[in-house]
C-alpha atoms as a PDB file:
ATOM      1  CA  MET A   1      31.456 -52.913 -53.372  1.00  0.00           C
ATOM      2  CA  ILE A   2      28.535 -50.583 -52.650  1.00  0.00           C
ATOM      3  CA  ILE A   3      26.287 -52.576 -54.697  1.00  0.00           C
ATOM      4  CA  TYR A   4      27.358 -55.733 -52.845  1.00  0.00           C
ATOM      5  CA  LEU A   5      26.918 -54.346 -49.599  1.00  0.00           C
ATOM      6  CA  LEU A   6      23.455 -53.192 -50.515  1.00  0.00           C
ATOM      7  CA  SER A   7      22.463 -56.433 -51.959  1.00  0.00           C
ATOM      8  CA  VAL A   8      23.528 -58.156 -48.718  1.00  0.00           C
ATOM      9  CA  LEU A   9      21.384 -55.648 -46.677  1.00  0.00           C
ATOM     10  CA  VAL A  10      18.410 -56.188 -48.991  1.00  0.00           C
ATOM     11  CA  LEU A  11      18.563 -59.904 -48.691  1.00  0.00           C
ATOM     12  CA  MET A  12      18.916 -59.589 -44.988  1.00  0.00           C
ATOM     13  CA  LEU A  13      15.791 -57.526 -44.679  1.00  0.00           C
ATOM     14  CA  LEU A  14      14.024 -60.018 -46.876  1.00  0.00           C
ATOM     15  CA  LEU A  15      15.001 -62.825 -44.720  1.00  0.00           C
ATOM     16  CA  TYR A  16      14.028 -61.061 -41.538  1.00  0.00           C
ATOM     17  CA  HIS A  17      10.672 -59.929 -42.989  1.00  0.00           C
ATOM     18  CA  PHE A  18       9.689 -63.586 -44.446  1.00  0.00           C
ATOM     19  CA  PHE A  19      11.441 -65.862 -41.875  1.00  0.00           C
ATOM     20  CA  ILE A  20      12.913 -64.050 -38.635  1.00  0.00           C
ATOM     21  CA  TRP A  21      10.056 -62.194 -37.533  1.00  0.00           C
ATOM     22  CA  LYS A  22       8.353 -62.807 -34.045  1.00  0.00           C
ATOM     23  CA  PRO A  23       4.751 -62.662 -33.211  1.00  0.00           C
ATOM     24  CA  LEU A  24       3.603 -60.320 -30.324  1.00  0.00           C
ATOM     25  CA  ASP A  25       3.263 -61.722 -26.831  1.00  0.00           C
ATOM     26  CA  THR A  26      -0.590 -62.582 -26.672  1.00  0.00           C
ATOM     27  CA  SER A  27      -0.359 -63.819 -22.941  1.00  0.00           C
ATOM     28  CA  VAL A  28      -2.533 -60.864 -21.838  1.00  0.00           C
ATOM     29  CA  LEU A  29      -5.510 -62.402 -23.629  1.00  0.00           C
ATOM     30  CA  TYR A  30      -5.339 -65.423 -21.170  1.00  0.00           C
ATOM     31  CA  LYS A  31      -4.665 -63.471 -18.045  1.00  0.00           C
ATOM     32  CA  LYS A  32      -7.867 -63.382 -16.668  1.00  0.00           C
ATOM     33  CA  HIS A  33      -9.031 -66.352 -18.933  1.00  0.00           C
ATOM     34  CA  PRO A  34      -6.914 -69.429 -19.087  1.00  0.00           C
ATOM     35  CA  TYR A  35      -8.945 -70.823 -22.093  1.00  0.00           C
ATOM     36  CA  LEU A  36     -10.869 -68.716 -24.577  1.00  0.00           C
ATOM     37  CA  LEU A  37     -14.488 -70.285 -25.479  1.00  0.00           C
ATOM     38  CA  PHE A  38     -16.023 -68.207 -28.216  1.00  0.00           C
ATOM     39  CA  GLY A  39     -19.274 -67.834 -29.272  1.00  0.00           C
ATOM     40  CA  HIS A  40     -19.141 -67.876 -33.081  1.00  0.00           C
ATOM     41  CA  ARG A  41     -21.260 -65.201 -34.372  1.00  0.00           C
ATOM     42  CA  GLY A  42     -22.644 -65.400 -30.779  1.00  0.00           C
ATOM     43  CA  SER A  43     -24.940 -68.308 -30.173  1.00  0.00           C
ATOM     44  CA  PRO A  44     -26.643 -69.105 -33.719  1.00  0.00           C
ATOM     45  CA  LEU A  45     -28.155 -72.173 -32.751  1.00  0.00           C
ATOM     46  CA  HIS A  46     -30.176 -70.733 -30.093  1.00  0.00           C
ATOM     47  CA  GLU A  47     -30.480 -66.707 -31.261  1.00  0.00           C
ATOM     48  CA  PRO A  48     -30.237 -65.049 -34.687  1.00  0.00           C
ATOM     49  CA  GLU A  49     -26.560 -64.908 -35.625  1.00  0.00           C
ATOM     50  CA  ASN A  50     -24.486 -61.619 -35.209  1.00  0.00           C
ATOM     51  CA  THR A  51     -27.352 -59.997 -33.218  1.00  0.00           C
ATOM     52  CA  ILE A  52     -27.010 -58.567 -29.658  1.00  0.00           C
ATOM     53  CA  ALA A  53     -29.409 -61.163 -28.489  1.00  0.00           C
ATOM     54  CA  ALA A  54     -26.959 -64.041 -29.688  1.00  0.00           C
ATOM     55  CA  PHE A  55     -24.047 -62.289 -28.099  1.00  0.00           C
ATOM     56  CA  LYS A  56     -25.724 -62.101 -24.704  1.00  0.00           C
ATOM     57  CA  MET A  57     -26.943 -65.612 -24.948  1.00  0.00           C
ATOM     58  CA  ALA A  58     -23.208 -66.821 -25.422  1.00  0.00           C
ATOM     59  CA  ILE A  59     -22.193 -64.876 -22.359  1.00  0.00           C
ATOM     60  CA  ALA A  60     -24.964 -66.129 -20.362  1.00  0.00           C
ATOM     61  CA  ASP A  61     -24.277 -69.764 -21.331  1.00  0.00           C
ATOM     62  CA  GLY A  62     -20.764 -69.153 -19.937  1.00  0.00           C
ATOM     63  CA  CYS A  63     -18.530 -68.180 -22.930  1.00  0.00           C
ATOM     64  CA  ASN A  64     -15.479 -65.491 -22.268  1.00  0.00           C
ATOM     65  CA  ALA A  65     -15.002 -64.551 -25.757  1.00  0.00           C
ATOM     66  CA  ILE A  66     -17.090 -63.507 -28.945  1.00  0.00           C
ATOM     67  CA  GLU A  67     -16.293 -64.072 -32.525  1.00  0.00           C
ATOM     68  CA  LEU A  68     -17.962 -61.622 -34.941  1.00  0.00           C
ATOM     69  CA  ASP A  69     -17.773 -60.333 -38.466  1.00  0.00           C
ATOM     70  CA  VAL A  70     -17.399 -56.563 -39.351  1.00  0.00           C
ATOM     71  CA  HIS A  71     -18.259 -54.587 -42.473  1.00  0.00           C
ATOM     72  CA  ARG A  72     -17.901 -50.819 -42.965  1.00  0.00           C
ATOM     73  CA  THR A  73     -21.189 -49.235 -44.360  1.00  0.00           C
ATOM     74  CA  ARG A  74     -21.189 -46.733 -47.324  1.00  0.00           C
ATOM     75  CA  ASP A  75     -21.367 -43.817 -45.068  1.00  0.00           C
ATOM     76  CA  GLY A  76     -18.256 -45.236 -42.839  1.00  0.00           C
ATOM     77  CA  HIS A  77     -19.947 -46.943 -39.898  1.00  0.00           C
ATOM     78  CA  LEU A  78     -18.938 -50.440 -38.568  1.00  0.00           C
ATOM     79  CA  VAL A  79     -21.697 -52.835 -38.358  1.00  0.00           C
ATOM     80  CA  VAL A  80     -21.763 -56.547 -37.471  1.00  0.00           C
ATOM     81  CA  PHE A  81     -22.859 -58.880 -40.243  1.00  0.00           C
ATOM     82  CA  HIS A  82     -21.583 -62.123 -41.673  1.00  0.00           C
ATOM     83  CA  ASP A  83     -22.098 -62.105 -45.421  1.00  0.00           C
ATOM     84  CA  ASP A  84     -21.055 -59.712 -47.962  1.00  0.00           C
ATOM     85  CA  THR A  85     -24.571 -59.654 -49.191  1.00  0.00           C
ATOM     86  CA  LEU A  86     -27.827 -59.119 -47.212  1.00  0.00           C
ATOM     87  CA  GLU A  87     -30.074 -61.865 -48.700  1.00  0.00           C
ATOM     88  CA  ARG A  88     -29.366 -65.135 -46.404  1.00  0.00           C
ATOM     89  CA  THR A  89     -30.207 -63.678 -42.869  1.00  0.00           C
ATOM     90  CA  SER A  90     -32.101 -60.613 -43.552  1.00  0.00           C
ATOM     91  CA  ASN A  91     -34.967 -59.022 -45.773  1.00  0.00           C
ATOM     92  CA  GLY A  92     -32.434 -56.904 -47.647  1.00  0.00           C
ATOM     93  CA  THR A  93     -30.764 -57.038 -50.890  1.00  0.00           C
ATOM     94  CA  GLY A  94     -27.368 -56.379 -52.222  1.00  0.00           C
ATOM     95  CA  ARG A  95     -23.895 -55.841 -50.542  1.00  0.00           C
ATOM     96  CA  VAL A  96     -23.727 -54.517 -47.070  1.00  0.00           C
ATOM     97  CA  ALA A  97     -20.963 -52.025 -47.946  1.00  0.00           C
ATOM     98  CA  GLU A  98     -23.213 -50.550 -50.515  1.00  0.00           C
ATOM     99  CA  HIS A  99     -25.917 -49.525 -48.029  1.00  0.00           C
ATOM    100  CA  THR A 100     -25.861 -46.687 -45.398  1.00  0.00           C
ATOM    101  CA  LEU A 101     -26.295 -47.278 -41.861  1.00  0.00           C
ATOM    102  CA  ALA A 102     -29.838 -45.739 -41.921  1.00  0.00           C
ATOM    103  CA  GLU A 103     -30.765 -48.339 -44.785  1.00  0.00           C
ATOM    104  CA  LEU A 104     -29.208 -51.297 -42.834  1.00  0.00           C
ATOM    105  CA  GLN A 105     -31.022 -50.610 -39.534  1.00  0.00           C
ATOM    106  CA  VAL A 106     -34.360 -50.684 -41.090  1.00  0.00           C
ATOM    107  CA  LEU A 107     -33.894 -54.187 -41.818  1.00  0.00           C
ATOM    108  CA  ASN A 108     -34.714 -57.535 -39.807  1.00  0.00           C
ATOM    109  CA  ALA A 109     -31.603 -59.400 -39.348  1.00  0.00           C
ATOM    110  CA  ALA A 110     -33.635 -62.623 -38.229  1.00  0.00           C
ATOM    111  CA  LYS A 111     -35.315 -63.565 -41.425  1.00  0.00           C
ATOM    112  CA  GLU A 112     -34.780 -66.977 -40.931  1.00  0.00           C
ATOM    113  CA  TRP A 113     -36.292 -67.046 -37.500  1.00  0.00           C
ATOM    114  CA  GLU A 114     -40.274 -67.075 -37.786  1.00  0.00           C
ATOM    115  CA  GLY A 115     -41.903 -64.183 -35.641  1.00  0.00           C
ATOM    116  CA  ARG A 116     -38.416 -62.554 -34.549  1.00  0.00           C
ATOM    117  CA  GLU A 117     -37.341 -59.085 -35.275  1.00  0.00           C
ATOM    118  CA  GLU A 118     -33.498 -58.029 -34.634  1.00  0.00           C
ATOM    119  CA  ARG A 119     -31.459 -55.275 -36.314  1.00  0.00           C
ATOM    120  CA  ILE A 120     -28.424 -55.279 -37.750  1.00  0.00           C
ATOM    121  CA  PRO A 121     -26.166 -53.754 -34.922  1.00  0.00           C
ATOM    122  CA  LEU A 122     -23.358 -51.458 -34.770  1.00  0.00           C
ATOM    123  CA  LEU A 123     -19.978 -52.743 -33.441  1.00  0.00           C
ATOM    124  CA  GLN A 124     -20.025 -50.106 -30.707  1.00  0.00           C
ATOM    125  CA  GLU A 125     -23.624 -51.328 -29.633  1.00  0.00           C
ATOM    126  CA  VAL A 126     -22.116 -54.753 -29.309  1.00  0.00           C
ATOM    127  CA  VAL A 127     -19.182 -54.081 -27.146  1.00  0.00           C
ATOM    128  CA  ASP A 128     -21.414 -51.769 -24.985  1.00  0.00           C
ATOM    129  CA  ALA A 129     -23.777 -54.649 -24.417  1.00  0.00           C
ATOM    130  CA  LEU A 130     -21.293 -57.108 -23.044  1.00  0.00           C
ATOM    131  CA  PRO A 131     -19.188 -57.237 -20.077  1.00  0.00           C
ATOM    132  CA  ASP A 132     -15.848 -55.276 -19.975  1.00  0.00           C
ATOM    133  CA  SER A 133     -13.911 -58.844 -19.545  1.00  0.00           C
ATOM    134  CA  THR A 134     -15.116 -60.102 -22.724  1.00  0.00           C
ATOM    135  CA  ILE A 135     -12.442 -60.913 -25.315  1.00  0.00           C
ATOM    136  CA  PHE A 136     -13.457 -60.265 -28.837  1.00  0.00           C
ATOM    137  CA  ASN A 137     -12.596 -61.577 -32.318  1.00  0.00           C
ATOM    138  CA  PHE A 138     -13.379 -59.079 -35.046  1.00  0.00           C
ATOM    139  CA  GLU A 139     -13.125 -60.714 -38.501  1.00  0.00           C
ATOM    140  CA  ILE A 140     -12.381 -58.049 -41.186  1.00  0.00           C
ATOM    141  CA  LYS A 141     -14.806 -58.621 -43.779  1.00  0.00           C
ATOM    142  CA  ASN A 142     -12.585 -57.467 -46.711  1.00  0.00           C
ATOM    143  CA  PHE A 143     -11.353 -59.949 -49.570  1.00  0.00           C
ATOM    144  CA  SER A 144     -10.120 -57.379 -52.049  1.00  0.00           C
ATOM    145  CA  PHE A 145      -6.428 -56.848 -52.941  1.00  0.00           C
ATOM    146  CA  PHE A 146      -6.856 -53.108 -52.033  1.00  0.00           C
ATOM    147  CA  SER A 147      -8.124 -51.647 -48.923  1.00  0.00           C
ATOM    148  CA  GLU A 148     -11.010 -50.181 -50.760  1.00  0.00           C
ATOM    149  CA  GLN A 149     -13.298 -49.809 -47.848  1.00  0.00           C
ATOM    150  CA  ARG A 150     -10.634 -49.165 -45.371  1.00  0.00           C
ATOM    151  CA  THR A 151     -12.429 -51.476 -42.809  1.00  0.00           C
ATOM    152  CA  GLU A 152      -9.141 -52.669 -40.862  1.00  0.00           C
ATOM    153  CA  LEU A 153      -8.085 -49.060 -40.419  1.00  0.00           C
ATOM    154  CA  GLU A 154     -11.545 -48.031 -39.183  1.00  0.00           C
ATOM    155  CA  LEU A 155     -11.182 -51.010 -36.556  1.00  0.00           C
ATOM    156  CA  ILE A 156      -7.838 -49.823 -35.574  1.00  0.00           C
ATOM    157  CA  ARG A 157      -9.589 -46.316 -34.603  1.00  0.00           C
ATOM    158  CA  PHE A 158     -12.433 -48.054 -32.870  1.00  0.00           C
ATOM    159  CA  ILE A 159      -9.833 -50.196 -30.787  1.00  0.00           C
ATOM    160  CA  HIS A 160      -8.027 -47.171 -29.834  1.00  0.00           C
ATOM    161  CA  GLU A 161     -11.234 -45.079 -28.980  1.00  0.00           C
ATOM    162  CA  ASN A 162     -12.553 -47.758 -26.859  1.00  0.00           C
ATOM    163  CA  LYS A 163      -9.217 -48.527 -25.255  1.00  0.00           C
ATOM    164  CA  MET A 164      -9.511 -52.173 -25.657  1.00  0.00           C
ATOM    165  CA  ARG A 165      -6.323 -53.355 -27.385  1.00  0.00           C
ATOM    166  CA  ASP A 166      -5.447 -55.993 -24.695  1.00  0.00           C
ATOM    167  CA  ARG A 167      -8.739 -57.855 -25.388  1.00  0.00           C
ATOM    168  CA  VAL A 168      -9.452 -57.545 -29.136  1.00  0.00           C
ATOM    169  CA  ILE A 169      -7.944 -59.769 -32.040  1.00  0.00           C
ATOM    170  CA  LEU A 170      -8.403 -58.696 -35.788  1.00  0.00           C
ATOM    171  CA  SER A 171      -8.699 -61.821 -38.092  1.00  0.00           C
ATOM    172  CA  SER A 172      -8.800 -62.058 -41.615  1.00  0.00           C
ATOM    173  CA  PHE A 173      -8.574 -64.739 -44.517  1.00  0.00           C
ATOM    174  CA  ASN A 174      -6.642 -62.048 -46.393  1.00  0.00           C
ATOM    175  CA  PRO A 175      -3.226 -61.713 -45.025  1.00  0.00           C
ATOM    176  CA  LEU A 176      -3.150 -58.179 -46.906  1.00  0.00           C
ATOM    177  CA  ASN A 177      -5.755 -57.085 -44.263  1.00  0.00           C
ATOM    178  CA  ILE A 178      -3.357 -58.431 -41.447  1.00  0.00           C
ATOM    179  CA  TRP A 179      -0.257 -56.816 -43.139  1.00  0.00           C
ATOM    180  CA  ARG A 180      -2.240 -53.463 -43.251  1.00  0.00           C
ATOM    181  CA  VAL A 181      -3.055 -53.708 -39.705  1.00  0.00           C
ATOM    182  CA  LYS A 182       0.618 -54.238 -38.736  1.00  0.00           C
ATOM    183  CA  MET A 183       1.682 -51.231 -40.772  1.00  0.00           C
ATOM    184  CA  SER A 184      -0.713 -49.162 -38.953  1.00  0.00           C
ATOM    185  CA  ASP A 185      -0.554 -50.270 -35.421  1.00  0.00           C
ATOM    186  CA  PRO A 186       1.924 -53.391 -34.994  1.00  0.00           C
ATOM    187  CA  MET A 187       0.904 -53.668 -31.199  1.00  0.00           C
ATOM    188  CA  ILE A 188      -2.680 -54.722 -32.046  1.00  0.00           C
ATOM    189  CA  PHE A 189      -3.042 -58.655 -32.009  1.00  0.00           C
ATOM    190  CA  THR A 190      -3.934 -60.164 -35.292  1.00  0.00           C
ATOM    191  CA  ALA A 191      -4.899 -63.573 -36.454  1.00  0.00           C
ATOM    192  CA  LEU A 192      -4.751 -65.451 -39.668  1.00  0.00           C
ATOM    193  CA  LEU A 193      -7.620 -67.635 -40.583  1.00  0.00           C
ATOM    194  CA  TRP A 194      -6.332 -70.869 -41.809  1.00  0.00           C
ATOM    195  CA  PHE A 195      -8.880 -72.690 -44.314  1.00  0.00           C
ATOM    196  CA  ASN A 196      -8.040 -75.058 -47.122  1.00  0.00           C
ATOM    197  CA  PRO A 197      -4.833 -73.086 -48.287  1.00  0.00           C
ATOM    198  CA  SER A 198      -4.098 -73.211 -52.083  1.00  0.00           C
ATOM    199  CA  ILE A 199      -0.803 -72.256 -53.783  1.00  0.00           C
ATOM    200  CA  LEU A 200      -2.923 -70.031 -55.954  1.00  0.00           C
ATOM    201  CA  SER A 201      -4.766 -68.446 -53.056  1.00  0.00           C
ATOM    202  CA  LEU A 202      -3.757 -65.560 -50.746  1.00  0.00           C
ATOM    203  CA  ARG A 203      -4.564 -67.946 -48.023  1.00  0.00           C
ATOM    204  CA  HIS A 204      -1.622 -70.203 -48.802  1.00  0.00           C
ATOM    205  CA  PRO A 205       1.022 -70.685 -45.945  1.00  0.00           C
ATOM    206  CA  LEU A 206       3.515 -68.248 -47.628  1.00  0.00           C
ATOM    207  CA  GLY A 207       0.956 -65.546 -46.531  1.00  0.00           C
ATOM    208  CA  VAL A 208       2.185 -66.037 -42.934  1.00  0.00           C
ATOM    209  CA  HIS A 209       5.561 -64.550 -43.908  1.00  0.00           C
ATOM    210  CA  LEU A 210       3.733 -61.171 -45.415  1.00  0.00           C
ATOM    211  CA  SER A 211       1.149 -60.635 -42.568  1.00  0.00           C
ATOM    212  CA  HIS A 212       3.317 -61.899 -39.555  1.00  0.00           C
ATOM    213  CA  PRO A 213       0.060 -63.032 -37.504  1.00  0.00           C
ATOM    214  CA  ASP A 214       0.226 -63.244 -33.759  1.00  0.00           C
ATOM    215  CA  LEU A 215      -2.396 -66.105 -33.713  1.00  0.00           C
ATOM    216  CA  PHE A 216      -3.680 -68.647 -36.067  1.00  0.00           C
ATOM    217  CA  HIS A 217      -7.488 -69.569 -36.371  1.00  0.00           C
ATOM    218  CA  PRO A 218      -7.554 -72.772 -38.375  1.00  0.00           C
ATOM    219  CA  PHE A 219     -10.732 -74.259 -39.485  1.00  0.00           C
ATOM    220  CA  GLU A 220     -11.442 -77.578 -37.476  1.00  0.00           C
ATOM    221  CA  GLU A 221     -10.802 -79.756 -40.664  1.00  0.00           C
ATOM    222  CA  ASN A 222      -7.412 -77.712 -41.379  1.00  0.00           C
ATOM    223  CA  VAL A 223      -5.692 -78.195 -38.135  1.00  0.00           C
ATOM    224  CA  ASN A 224      -2.928 -79.839 -40.286  1.00  0.00           C
ATOM    225  CA  TRP A 225       0.691 -80.075 -40.145  1.00  0.00           C
ATOM    226  CA  GLY A 226       1.283 -76.850 -41.738  1.00  0.00           C
ATOM    227  CA  VAL A 227      -0.397 -74.876 -39.109  1.00  0.00           C
ATOM    228  CA  LYS A 228       0.822 -76.965 -36.358  1.00  0.00           C
ATOM    229  CA  PHE A 229       4.495 -76.411 -37.766  1.00  0.00           C
ATOM    230  CA  TRP A 230       4.214 -72.889 -37.746  1.00  0.00           C
ATOM    231  CA  SER A 231       2.675 -72.629 -34.457  1.00  0.00           C
ATOM    232  CA  ARG A 232       5.261 -74.611 -32.570  1.00  0.00           C
ATOM    233  CA  VAL A 233       8.063 -72.913 -34.555  1.00  0.00           C
ATOM    234  CA  LYS A 234       6.875 -69.315 -33.988  1.00  0.00           C
ATOM    235  CA  LYS A 235       5.105 -70.149 -30.681  1.00  0.00           C
ATOM    236  CA  ILE A 236       1.823 -68.948 -32.055  1.00  0.00           C
ATOM    237  CA  PRO A 237      -1.357 -69.752 -30.137  1.00  0.00           C
ATOM    238  CA  MET A 238      -4.300 -71.330 -32.086  1.00  0.00           C
ATOM    239  CA  HIS A 239      -7.923 -70.801 -31.836  1.00  0.00           C
ATOM    240  CA  VAL A 240      -9.896 -73.489 -33.794  1.00  0.00           C
ATOM    241  CA  TRP A 241     -13.243 -72.891 -35.543  1.00  0.00           C
ATOM    242  CA  VAL A 242     -16.094 -73.775 -35.882  1.00  0.00           C
ATOM    243  CA  VAL A 243     -16.262 -76.704 -33.764  1.00  0.00           C
ATOM    244  CA  ASN A 244     -19.883 -78.153 -32.961  1.00  0.00           C
ATOM    245  CA  ASP A 245     -19.319 -81.781 -31.531  1.00  0.00           C
ATOM    246  CA  ALA A 246     -18.081 -82.694 -28.162  1.00  0.00           C
ATOM    247  CA  GLU A 247     -15.478 -85.485 -29.013  1.00  0.00           C
ATOM    248  CA  THR A 248     -13.777 -82.831 -31.460  1.00  0.00           C
ATOM    249  CA  MET A 249     -13.807 -80.123 -28.581  1.00  0.00           C
ATOM    250  CA  LYS A 250     -12.170 -82.786 -26.367  1.00  0.00           C
ATOM    251  CA  ILE A 251      -9.476 -83.536 -28.911  1.00  0.00           C
ATOM    252  CA  PHE A 252      -8.440 -80.092 -29.463  1.00  0.00           C
ATOM    253  CA  ALA A 253      -8.605 -79.213 -25.706  1.00  0.00           C
ATOM    254  CA  LYS A 254      -5.761 -81.645 -25.046  1.00  0.00           C
ATOM    255  CA  ASP A 255      -3.360 -79.788 -27.485  1.00  0.00           C
ATOM    256  CA  PRO A 256      -1.120 -77.342 -25.597  1.00  0.00           C
ATOM    257  CA  MET A 257      -0.930 -74.907 -28.563  1.00  0.00           C
ATOM    258  CA  ILE A 258      -4.808 -74.754 -28.875  1.00  0.00           C
ATOM    259  CA  LYS A 259      -5.749 -71.845 -26.543  1.00  0.00           C
ATOM    260  CA  GLY A 260      -9.337 -71.318 -27.656  1.00  0.00           C
ATOM    261  CA  ILE A 261     -12.336 -72.973 -29.325  1.00  0.00           C
ATOM    262  CA  MET A 262     -14.962 -71.259 -31.542  1.00  0.00           C
ATOM    263  CA  SER A 263     -18.446 -72.743 -31.668  1.00  0.00           C
ATOM    264  CA  ASP A 264     -22.102 -72.262 -32.777  1.00  0.00           C
ATOM    265  CA  ASP A 265     -23.374 -74.512 -29.981  1.00  0.00           C
ATOM    266  CA  THR A 266     -22.377 -72.587 -26.880  1.00  0.00           C
ATOM    267  CA  LYS A 267     -24.184 -74.769 -24.563  1.00  0.00           C
ATOM    268  CA  LEU A 268     -22.297 -77.706 -25.502  1.00  0.00           C
ATOM    269  CA  LEU A 269     -19.011 -75.869 -25.464  1.00  0.00           C
ATOM    270  CA  ILE A 270     -19.427 -75.231 -21.877  1.00  0.00           C
ATOM    271  CA  GLU A 271     -20.840 -78.349 -21.062  1.00  0.00           C
ATOM    272  CA  THR A 272     -17.973 -80.178 -22.796  1.00  0.00           C
ATOM    273  CA  VAL A 273     -14.728 -78.096 -22.037  1.00  0.00           C
ATOM    274  CA  GLY A 274     -16.002 -75.362 -19.696  1.00  0.00           C
ATOM    275  CA  ASP A 275     -13.561 -76.707 -17.013  1.00  0.00           C
ATOM    276  CA  LYS A 276     -10.683 -75.349 -19.171  1.00  0.00           C
ATOM    277  CA  LEU A 277     -12.079 -71.920 -17.691  1.00  0.00           C
ATOM    278  CA  LEU A 278     -11.049 -72.799 -14.447  1.00  0.00           C
ATOM    279  CA  PRO A 279      -7.470 -71.802 -13.202  1.00  0.00           C
ATOM    280  CA  GLU A 280      -5.325 -74.876 -12.877  1.00  0.00           C
ATOM    281  CA  VAL A 281      -4.753 -76.250  -9.249  1.00  0.00           C
ATOM    282  CA  PRO A 282      -1.411 -77.233  -8.488  1.00  0.00           C
ATOM    283  CA  VAL A 283      -1.239 -81.088  -7.741  1.00  0.00           C
ATOM    284  CA  PRO A 284       0.408 -81.479  -4.061  1.00  0.00           C
ATOM    285  CA  GLY A 285       3.718 -82.961  -4.102  1.00  0.00           C
ATOM    286  CA  PRO A 286       4.532 -86.105  -1.582  1.00  0.00           C
ATOM    287  CA  LEU A 287       4.762 -85.292   2.018  1.00  0.00           C
END
């Protein structure tokens, strides 16, 4: 009898964990901003990506949100950089995580921009440089099964220290990163990046039930029946990336479950769907 009761209890716990979970209420993200228009890595078509210049340009263009990528350095600092390695956008070599902050800050993060010199910024420098009303998406750059770099745990500490829980989303392709965030602080908003899910990948939709995200961030070509189904069943808002043409922006802006768009072309984003930033004006009824 005891074994039977324990079995039922375990089954109920598993059912709850995998299916009967509820995401956080994310409405506070839209309290001041009815729609989130993200500068994806800042404004990388107009300034070197993931630099303070790019983030300031996105805000100047009219964006109310910023998407950026975070690594933890060898000596424990949080820096903003996209790739796992330095070669593509900087004059450095090797993995970001294998360098100290001092080694990274002497590099030029605008290698592809002739005549430009930009540093790899600290996450704190980026937050301090932008308005207090800015919504942030910090993508956790950790694809390992284990939390070797502890990036997500350092980000939780950073959010607490800066008192910015209501305006930060921690996102990842790796559902284990999100699961670790939820285990450490279940009140921090998390988003699962949805990109070409495969049954052999951690990014398969089953990862939803492990990570219990509060938001979905699907790639524009993967806004498919799966992410739409879970979005509606769990009432999970979506922010789509990375959308760089006007017609696609307009299509996504009409979907009531899509509450934000990320774009490299921040000027086009504002020109095309900038009206979504304005509060809805009620239509007057008949006299």
